[in-house]
Amino acid sequence: MDTASLSSSCSAGSVEWPSPFVIPSFSHDVELQLKEADDTYAKDGTLMTMSRSVKSDILDKLADIMSRVTAYPSNDQYESVAKASLSQGARVRCRMIGAEFSRTVTTDLLHSFLDGLDALVPRLLEMFKAAVVSGRKVTLKRVLQCLEKE
């Protein structure tokens, strides 16, 4: 195959990175183990020790989905997968994926997530103040007063 046909076949099937990234369903066995781990965590806070095969199945599935869009995901794309895992996935998935995210991208996912939230706080406060001034959210007035004291 020559390089011209290779580049045309790649560009013909190009797909944009999904926003938000949707975490796929895993194999039946993996889903059962994750459900059991979630139930155990909810019951007594015990974290699942993930076997190599479960971890491999999950990462293979995520890698497969990601590679359908791009062969070389950027750090931002890895981060979108990790954030989607936090918002869509189970607690156990988040811890597994958070650790793998940190290993792959050398960035702490929780720290990155909290930094993102910190960046949103000034805008949220402006929105809350506007809602209080307009009279739509009188209950926020006390919260804003407490925040202004700090």
N, C-alpha and C. Protein backbone atom coordinates (compact mmCIF):
# COMPACT_ATOMS: atom_id res chain seq x y z
N MET A 1 0.85 -1.16 0.00
CA MET A 1 0.00 0.00 0.00
C MET A 1 0.90 1.23 0.00
N ASP A 2 0.62 2.18 -0.89
CA ASP A 2 1.43 3.39 -0.92
C ASP A 2 0.91 4.40 0.11
N THR A 3 1.72 5.42 0.38
CA THR A 3 1.35 6.39 1.42
C THR A 3 0.15 7.22 1.03
N ALA A 4 -0.09 7.44 -0.26
CA ALA A 4 -1.25 8.23 -0.68
C ALA A 4 -2.54 7.51 -0.34
N SER A 5 -2.58 6.19 -0.61
CA SER A 5 -3.81 5.46 -0.29
C SER A 5 -3.98 5.29 1.21
N LEU A 6 -2.87 5.23 1.95
CA LEU A 6 -2.95 5.13 3.39
C LEU A 6 -3.54 6.41 3.99
N SER A 7 -3.06 7.57 3.53
CA SER A 7 -3.57 8.82 4.10
C SER A 7 -5.02 9.06 3.70
N SER A 8 -5.40 8.66 2.49
CA SER A 8 -6.80 8.88 2.09
C SER A 8 -7.73 7.94 2.84
N SER A 9 -7.28 6.71 3.13
CA SER A 9 -8.14 5.80 3.87
C SER A 9 -8.29 6.25 5.32
N CYS A 10 -7.25 6.87 5.87
CA CYS A 10 -7.34 7.37 7.25
C CYS A 10 -8.24 8.58 7.34
N SER A 11 -8.11 9.51 6.40
CA SER A 11 -8.90 10.73 6.48
C SER A 11 -10.35 10.48 6.12
N ALA A 12 -10.62 9.48 5.29
CA ALA A 12 -12.00 9.19 4.90
C ALA A 12 -12.83 8.72 6.08
N GLY A 13 -12.21 8.03 7.01
CA GLY A 13 -12.94 7.51 8.16
C GLY A 13 -12.74 8.33 9.42
N SER A 14 -12.23 9.57 9.27
CA SER A 14 -11.93 10.34 10.47
C SER A 14 -13.21 10.74 11.20
N VAL A 15 -13.11 10.69 12.51
CA VAL A 15 -14.22 11.02 13.38
C VAL A 15 -13.71 11.99 14.41
N GLU A 16 -14.52 12.97 14.77
CA GLU A 16 -14.09 13.91 15.80
C GLU A 16 -14.17 13.28 17.18
N TRP A 17 -13.32 13.77 18.07
CA TRP A 17 -13.30 13.27 19.44
C TRP A 17 -14.66 13.57 20.08
N PRO A 18 -15.30 12.56 20.68
CA PRO A 18 -16.63 12.79 21.26
C PRO A 18 -16.56 13.70 22.49
N SER A 19 -17.51 14.59 22.57
CA SER A 19 -17.58 15.48 23.73
C SER A 19 -19.02 15.55 24.19
N PRO A 20 -19.33 14.98 25.32
CA PRO A 20 -18.43 14.32 26.25
C PRO A 20 -18.11 12.90 25.80
N PHE A 21 -17.00 12.40 26.27
CA PHE A 21 -16.61 11.03 25.98
C PHE A 21 -17.54 10.09 26.75
N VAL A 22 -18.06 9.09 26.07
CA VAL A 22 -18.98 8.14 26.71
C VAL A 22 -18.23 6.86 27.03
N ILE A 23 -18.25 6.48 28.30
CA ILE A 23 -17.58 5.26 28.74
C ILE A 23 -18.41 4.08 28.24
N PRO A 24 -17.77 3.14 27.54
CA PRO A 24 -18.52 2.01 26.98
C PRO A 24 -18.86 0.98 28.06
N SER A 25 -19.77 0.09 27.69
CA SER A 25 -20.03 -1.06 28.55
C SER A 25 -18.89 -2.05 28.34
N PHE A 26 -18.54 -2.73 29.41
CA PHE A 26 -17.47 -3.71 29.31
C PHE A 26 -18.10 -5.10 29.18
N SER A 27 -17.26 -6.12 29.13
CA SER A 27 -17.78 -7.48 29.01
C SER A 27 -18.67 -7.79 30.21
N HIS A 28 -19.51 -8.76 30.05
CA HIS A 28 -20.46 -9.14 31.10
C HIS A 28 -19.73 -9.47 32.40
N ASP A 29 -18.65 -10.24 32.29
CA ASP A 29 -17.88 -10.62 33.49
C ASP A 29 -17.29 -9.40 34.20
N VAL A 30 -16.74 -8.48 33.42
CA VAL A 30 -16.14 -7.28 34.01
C VAL A 30 -17.22 -6.43 34.67
N GLU A 31 -18.35 -6.26 33.99
CA GLU A 31 -19.45 -5.47 34.55
C GLU A 31 -19.93 -6.07 35.87
N LEU A 32 -20.03 -7.42 35.93
CA LEU A 32 -20.45 -8.06 37.17
C LEU A 32 -19.46 -7.81 38.30
N GLN A 33 -18.17 -7.90 37.99
CA GLN A 33 -17.16 -7.66 39.01
C GLN A 33 -17.18 -6.21 39.48
N LEU A 34 -17.38 -5.28 38.55
CA LEU A 34 -17.45 -3.87 38.93
C LEU A 34 -18.68 -3.58 39.78
N LYS A 35 -19.80 -4.21 39.43
CA LYS A 35 -21.03 -4.03 40.21
C LYS A 35 -20.83 -4.57 41.63
N GLU A 36 -20.24 -5.74 41.73
CA GLU A 36 -19.97 -6.33 43.05
C GLU A 36 -19.03 -5.43 43.85
N ALA A 37 -18.02 -4.90 43.20
CA ALA A 37 -17.07 -4.01 43.88
C ALA A 37 -17.75 -2.73 44.33
N ASP A 38 -18.64 -2.19 43.51
CA ASP A 38 -19.39 -0.99 43.90
C ASP A 38 -20.27 -1.26 45.11
N ASP A 39 -20.94 -2.39 45.10
CA ASP A 39 -21.81 -2.75 46.23
C ASP A 39 -21.00 -2.88 47.51
N THR A 40 -19.84 -3.52 47.42
CA THR A 40 -18.97 -3.70 48.58
C THR A 40 -18.46 -2.35 49.07
N TYR A 41 -18.08 -1.50 48.14
CA TYR A 41 -17.59 -0.17 48.51
C TYR A 41 -18.70 0.64 49.21
N ALA A 42 -19.90 0.58 48.66
CA ALA A 42 -21.03 1.31 49.25
C ALA A 42 -21.36 0.78 50.64
N LYS A 43 -21.17 -0.52 50.82
CA LYS A 43 -21.52 -1.16 52.09
C LYS A 43 -20.51 -0.85 53.19
N ASP A 44 -19.21 -1.02 52.90
CA ASP A 44 -18.23 -0.86 53.97
C ASP A 44 -16.96 -0.10 53.58
N GLY A 45 -16.96 0.49 52.38
CA GLY A 45 -15.81 1.30 51.96
C GLY A 45 -14.61 0.52 51.47
N THR A 46 -14.75 -0.80 51.33
CA THR A 46 -13.65 -1.63 50.86
C THR A 46 -13.44 -1.43 49.36
N LEU A 47 -12.20 -1.17 48.97
CA LEU A 47 -11.87 -1.01 47.56
C LEU A 47 -11.55 -2.36 46.93
N MET A 48 -11.90 -2.49 45.67
CA MET A 48 -11.64 -3.72 44.92
C MET A 48 -10.16 -3.79 44.56
N THR A 49 -9.57 -4.93 44.75
CA THR A 49 -8.25 -5.19 44.22
C THR A 49 -8.48 -5.80 42.85
N MET A 50 -8.15 -5.04 41.84
CA MET A 50 -8.48 -5.43 40.49
C MET A 50 -7.45 -6.41 39.94
N SER A 51 -7.94 -7.51 39.42
CA SER A 51 -7.03 -8.49 38.82
C SER A 51 -6.44 -7.92 37.54
N ARG A 52 -5.34 -8.48 37.15
CA ARG A 52 -4.67 -8.02 35.93
C ARG A 52 -5.58 -8.19 34.71
N SER A 53 -6.36 -9.27 34.68
CA SER A 53 -7.22 -9.52 33.52
C SER A 53 -8.36 -8.50 33.44
N VAL A 54 -8.94 -8.14 34.59
CA VAL A 54 -10.02 -7.14 34.59
C VAL A 54 -9.47 -5.79 34.16
N LYS A 55 -8.34 -5.41 34.74
CA LYS A 55 -7.71 -4.15 34.38
C LYS A 55 -7.39 -4.13 32.88
N SER A 56 -6.85 -5.22 32.40
CA SER A 56 -6.51 -5.33 30.98
C SER A 56 -7.74 -5.22 30.10
N ASP A 57 -8.82 -5.91 30.49
CA ASP A 57 -10.07 -5.84 29.71
C ASP A 57 -10.59 -4.42 29.63
N ILE A 58 -10.58 -3.72 30.76
CA ILE A 58 -11.09 -2.35 30.79
C ILE A 58 -10.22 -1.43 29.93
N LEU A 59 -8.92 -1.50 30.14
CA LEU A 59 -8.02 -0.63 29.38
C LEU A 59 -8.02 -0.95 27.89
N ASP A 60 -8.13 -2.24 27.54
CA ASP A 60 -8.22 -2.62 26.13
C ASP A 60 -9.46 -2.04 25.47
N LYS A 61 -10.59 -2.10 26.19
CA LYS A 61 -11.84 -1.57 25.65
C LYS A 61 -11.74 -0.05 25.46
N LEU A 62 -11.19 0.65 26.46
CA LEU A 62 -11.03 2.10 26.33
C LEU A 62 -10.06 2.45 25.21
N ALA A 63 -8.96 1.71 25.13
CA ALA A 63 -7.99 1.96 24.07
C ALA A 63 -8.60 1.71 22.69
N ASP A 64 -9.43 0.68 22.58
CA ASP A 64 -10.09 0.38 21.31
C ASP A 64 -11.01 1.54 20.89
N ILE A 65 -11.80 2.03 21.83
CA ILE A 65 -12.71 3.13 21.52
C ILE A 65 -11.92 4.38 21.15
N MET A 66 -10.87 4.67 21.91
CA MET A 66 -10.06 5.85 21.64
C MET A 66 -9.35 5.75 20.29
N SER A 67 -8.85 4.55 19.97
CA SER A 67 -8.10 4.39 18.72
C SER A 67 -8.99 4.47 17.49
N ARG A 68 -10.28 4.30 17.66
CA ARG A 68 -11.19 4.48 16.53
C ARG A 68 -11.26 5.94 16.10
N VAL A 69 -10.91 6.83 17.03
CA VAL A 69 -10.95 8.25 16.74
C VAL A 69 -9.56 8.77 16.35
N THR A 70 -8.54 8.40 17.14
CA THR A 70 -7.20 8.86 16.85
C THR A 70 -6.19 7.82 17.33
N ALA A 71 -5.13 7.68 16.57
CA ALA A 71 -4.08 6.73 16.94
C ALA A 71 -3.19 7.29 18.04
N TYR A 72 -3.15 8.62 18.16
CA TYR A 72 -2.29 9.26 19.14
C TYR A 72 -3.09 10.29 19.95
N PRO A 73 -3.81 9.82 20.96
CA PRO A 73 -4.61 10.75 21.77
C PRO A 73 -3.71 11.75 22.50
N SER A 74 -4.20 12.97 22.59
CA SER A 74 -3.47 14.01 23.32
C SER A 74 -3.74 13.86 24.81
N ASN A 75 -2.99 14.60 25.61
CA ASN A 75 -3.23 14.60 27.05
C ASN A 75 -4.65 15.05 27.38
N ASP A 76 -5.14 16.04 26.63
CA ASP A 76 -6.52 16.51 26.85
C ASP A 76 -7.53 15.41 26.56
N GLN A 77 -7.27 14.62 25.55
CA GLN A 77 -8.18 13.52 25.22
C GLN A 77 -8.14 12.43 26.29
N TYR A 78 -6.94 12.11 26.78
CA TYR A 78 -6.85 11.17 27.90
C TYR A 78 -7.62 11.72 29.10
N GLU A 79 -7.46 13.01 29.33
CA GLU A 79 -8.13 13.63 30.47
C GLU A 79 -9.65 13.58 30.30
N SER A 80 -10.14 13.75 29.07
CA SER A 80 -11.59 13.69 28.86
C SER A 80 -12.12 12.29 29.14
N VAL A 81 -11.33 11.26 28.84
CA VAL A 81 -11.74 9.88 29.15
C VAL A 81 -11.78 9.69 30.67
N ALA A 82 -10.77 10.20 31.34
CA ALA A 82 -10.72 10.07 32.79
C ALA A 82 -11.87 10.83 33.45
N LYS A 83 -12.15 12.04 32.98
CA LYS A 83 -13.26 12.82 33.54
C LYS A 83 -14.59 12.13 33.28
N ALA A 84 -14.73 11.56 32.09
CA ALA A 84 -15.97 10.83 31.78
C ALA A 84 -16.12 9.64 32.72
N SER A 85 -15.02 9.00 33.03
CA SER A 85 -15.06 7.87 33.96
C SER A 85 -15.54 8.32 35.33
N LEU A 86 -15.09 9.51 35.73
CA LEU A 86 -15.51 10.03 37.03
C LEU A 86 -16.99 10.36 37.05
N SER A 87 -17.48 10.94 35.96
CA SER A 87 -18.87 11.37 35.96
C SER A 87 -19.85 10.27 35.56
N GLN A 88 -19.44 9.35 34.71
CA GLN A 88 -20.34 8.32 34.21
C GLN A 88 -20.14 6.96 34.86
N GLY A 89 -18.92 6.72 35.30
CA GLY A 89 -18.59 5.38 35.75
C GLY A 89 -18.81 5.17 37.22
N ALA A 90 -18.60 3.97 37.62
CA ALA A 90 -18.74 3.60 39.02
C ALA A 90 -17.51 4.05 39.80
N ARG A 91 -17.61 4.08 41.11
CA ARG A 91 -16.50 4.52 41.96
C ARG A 91 -15.24 3.69 41.70
N VAL A 92 -15.41 2.40 41.55
CA VAL A 92 -14.25 1.53 41.34
C VAL A 92 -13.58 1.85 40.02
N ARG A 93 -14.38 2.10 39.00
CA ARG A 93 -13.80 2.43 37.70
C ARG A 93 -12.97 3.69 37.81
N CYS A 94 -13.48 4.68 38.55
CA CYS A 94 -12.78 5.95 38.70
C CYS A 94 -11.41 5.76 39.30
N ARG A 95 -11.33 4.94 40.38
CA ARG A 95 -10.04 4.74 41.04
C ARG A 95 -9.09 3.98 40.11
N MET A 96 -9.66 2.93 39.44
CA MET A 96 -8.76 2.20 38.53
C MET A 96 -8.25 3.13 37.45
N ILE A 97 -9.14 3.81 36.78
CA ILE A 97 -8.83 4.69 35.64
C ILE A 97 -8.01 5.88 36.09
N GLY A 98 -8.32 6.45 37.29
CA GLY A 98 -7.53 7.57 37.80
C GLY A 98 -6.07 7.19 37.96
N ALA A 99 -5.82 6.00 38.46
CA ALA A 99 -4.44 5.54 38.63
C ALA A 99 -3.76 5.35 37.28
N GLU A 100 -4.47 4.76 36.34
CA GLU A 100 -3.89 4.53 35.02
C GLU A 100 -3.67 5.85 34.29
N PHE A 101 -4.59 6.80 34.47
CA PHE A 101 -4.44 8.13 33.89
C PHE A 101 -3.16 8.77 34.40
N SER A 102 -2.96 8.72 35.70
CA SER A 102 -1.76 9.31 36.30
C SER A 102 -0.49 8.65 35.76
N ARG A 103 -0.54 7.33 35.62
CA ARG A 103 0.62 6.61 35.10
C ARG A 103 0.91 6.99 33.66
N THR A 104 -0.14 7.10 32.84
CA THR A 104 0.03 7.35 31.42
C THR A 104 0.40 8.80 31.12
N VAL A 105 -0.29 9.72 31.75
CA VAL A 105 -0.13 11.14 31.42
C VAL A 105 0.78 11.85 32.41
N THR A 106 1.15 11.20 33.47
CA THR A 106 1.96 11.75 34.55
C THR A 106 1.33 13.02 35.15
N THR A 107 0.01 13.01 35.21
CA THR A 107 -0.74 14.09 35.85
C THR A 107 -1.74 13.45 36.80
N ASP A 108 -1.87 14.00 37.99
CA ASP A 108 -2.84 13.49 38.94
C ASP A 108 -4.23 13.93 38.52
N LEU A 109 -5.11 12.98 38.26
CA LEU A 109 -6.45 13.28 37.76
C LEU A 109 -7.24 14.11 38.75
N LEU A 110 -7.24 13.74 40.02
CA LEU A 110 -8.00 14.48 41.01
C LEU A 110 -7.51 15.91 41.10
N HIS A 111 -6.20 16.09 41.11
CA HIS A 111 -5.62 17.44 41.17
C HIS A 111 -6.05 18.25 39.95
N SER A 112 -6.00 17.64 38.78
CA SER A 112 -6.41 18.30 37.55
C SER A 112 -7.88 18.67 37.58
N PHE A 113 -8.70 17.76 38.08
CA PHE A 113 -10.14 17.99 38.19
C PHE A 113 -10.43 19.15 39.15
N LEU A 114 -9.77 19.14 40.32
CA LEU A 114 -9.98 20.20 41.30
C LEU A 114 -9.47 21.55 40.79
N ASP A 115 -8.37 21.55 40.06
CA ASP A 115 -7.89 22.79 39.45
C ASP A 115 -8.93 23.35 38.48
N GLY A 116 -9.55 22.45 37.72
CA GLY A 116 -10.61 22.88 36.80
C GLY A 116 -11.78 23.49 37.54
N LEU A 117 -12.16 22.87 38.66
CA LEU A 117 -13.24 23.43 39.47
C LEU A 117 -12.86 24.79 40.03
N ASP A 118 -11.62 24.91 40.51
CA ASP A 118 -11.15 26.19 41.04
C ASP A 118 -11.25 27.29 40.00
N ALA A 119 -10.97 26.96 38.76
CA ALA A 119 -11.05 27.95 37.69
C ALA A 119 -12.48 28.41 37.45
N LEU A 120 -13.44 27.56 37.77
CA LEU A 120 -14.85 27.90 37.56
C LEU A 120 -15.48 28.69 38.70
N VAL A 121 -14.86 28.69 39.87
CA VAL A 121 -15.46 29.31 41.06
C VAL A 121 -15.80 30.79 40.85
N PRO A 122 -14.90 31.63 40.32
CA PRO A 122 -15.27 33.05 40.16
C PRO A 122 -16.52 33.24 39.30
N ARG A 123 -16.62 32.50 38.23
CA ARG A 123 -17.80 32.63 37.35
C ARG A 123 -19.06 32.13 38.06
N LEU A 124 -18.95 31.04 38.80
CA LEU A 124 -20.10 30.54 39.55
C LEU A 124 -20.57 31.55 40.59
N LEU A 125 -19.61 32.18 41.28
CA LEU A 125 -19.98 33.20 42.26
C LEU A 125 -20.70 34.37 41.61
N GLU A 126 -20.23 34.78 40.42
CA GLU A 126 -20.92 35.85 39.69
C GLU A 126 -22.35 35.45 39.35
N MET A 127 -22.53 34.22 38.92
CA MET A 127 -23.87 33.73 38.59
C MET A 127 -24.75 33.69 39.83
N PHE A 128 -24.19 33.23 40.95
CA PHE A 128 -24.96 33.17 42.20
C PHE A 128 -25.37 34.57 42.64
N LYS A 129 -24.44 35.53 42.56
CA LYS A 129 -24.75 36.92 42.95
C LYS A 129 -25.86 37.49 42.07
N ALA A 130 -25.77 37.23 40.77
CA ALA A 130 -26.79 37.72 39.85
C ALA A 130 -28.15 37.09 40.18
N ALA A 131 -28.17 35.83 40.55
CA ALA A 131 -29.42 35.16 40.89
C ALA A 131 -30.01 35.73 42.17
N VAL A 132 -29.14 36.07 43.14
CA VAL A 132 -29.62 36.65 44.40
C VAL A 132 -30.18 38.05 44.15
N VAL A 133 -29.45 38.86 43.38
CA VAL A 133 -29.88 40.23 43.09
C VAL A 133 -31.21 40.23 42.35
N SER A 134 -31.39 39.27 41.44
CA SER A 134 -32.64 39.21 40.68
C SER A 134 -33.80 38.67 41.50
N GLY A 135 -33.47 38.09 42.65
CA GLY A 135 -34.52 37.54 43.51
C GLY A 135 -34.90 36.11 43.17
N ARG A 136 -34.24 35.51 42.21
CA ARG A 136 -34.57 34.14 41.81
C ARG A 136 -34.09 33.10 42.83
N LYS A 137 -33.00 33.36 43.47
CA LYS A 137 -32.41 32.39 44.39
C LYS A 137 -32.07 33.07 45.71
N VAL A 138 -33.07 33.38 46.48
CA VAL A 138 -32.88 34.06 47.76
C VAL A 138 -32.11 33.17 48.73
N THR A 139 -32.25 31.86 48.62
CA THR A 139 -31.56 30.95 49.53
C THR A 139 -30.04 31.01 49.39
N LEU A 140 -29.56 31.45 48.25
CA LEU A 140 -28.12 31.57 48.04
C LEU A 140 -27.54 32.77 48.77
N LYS A 141 -28.38 33.69 49.20
CA LYS A 141 -27.89 34.91 49.84
C LYS A 141 -27.05 34.59 51.07
N ARG A 142 -27.51 33.66 51.91
CA ARG A 142 -26.77 33.30 53.12
C ARG A 142 -25.43 32.64 52.77
N VAL A 143 -25.45 31.80 51.76
CA VAL A 143 -24.20 31.14 51.34
C VAL A 143 -23.20 32.18 50.87
N LEU A 144 -23.64 33.13 50.06
CA LEU A 144 -22.75 34.16 49.57
C LEU A 144 -22.22 35.04 50.70
N GLN A 145 -23.07 35.33 51.68
CA GLN A 145 -22.63 36.12 52.82
C GLN A 145 -21.52 35.40 53.59
N CYS A 146 -21.67 34.11 53.77
CA CYS A 146 -20.62 33.31 54.44
C CYS A 146 -19.33 33.34 53.64
N LEU A 147 -19.43 33.20 52.34
CA LEU A 147 -18.23 33.20 51.49
C LEU A 147 -17.54 34.55 51.51
N GLU A 148 -18.31 35.63 51.54
CA GLU A 148 -17.72 36.95 51.56
C GLU A 148 -16.99 37.22 52.87
N LYS A 149 -17.45 36.63 53.98
CA LYS A 149 -16.78 36.78 55.28
C LYS A 149 -15.41 36.12 55.25
N GLU A 150 -15.29 35.01 54.51
CA GLU A 150 -14.02 34.29 54.43
C GLU A 150 -13.12 35.02 53.49
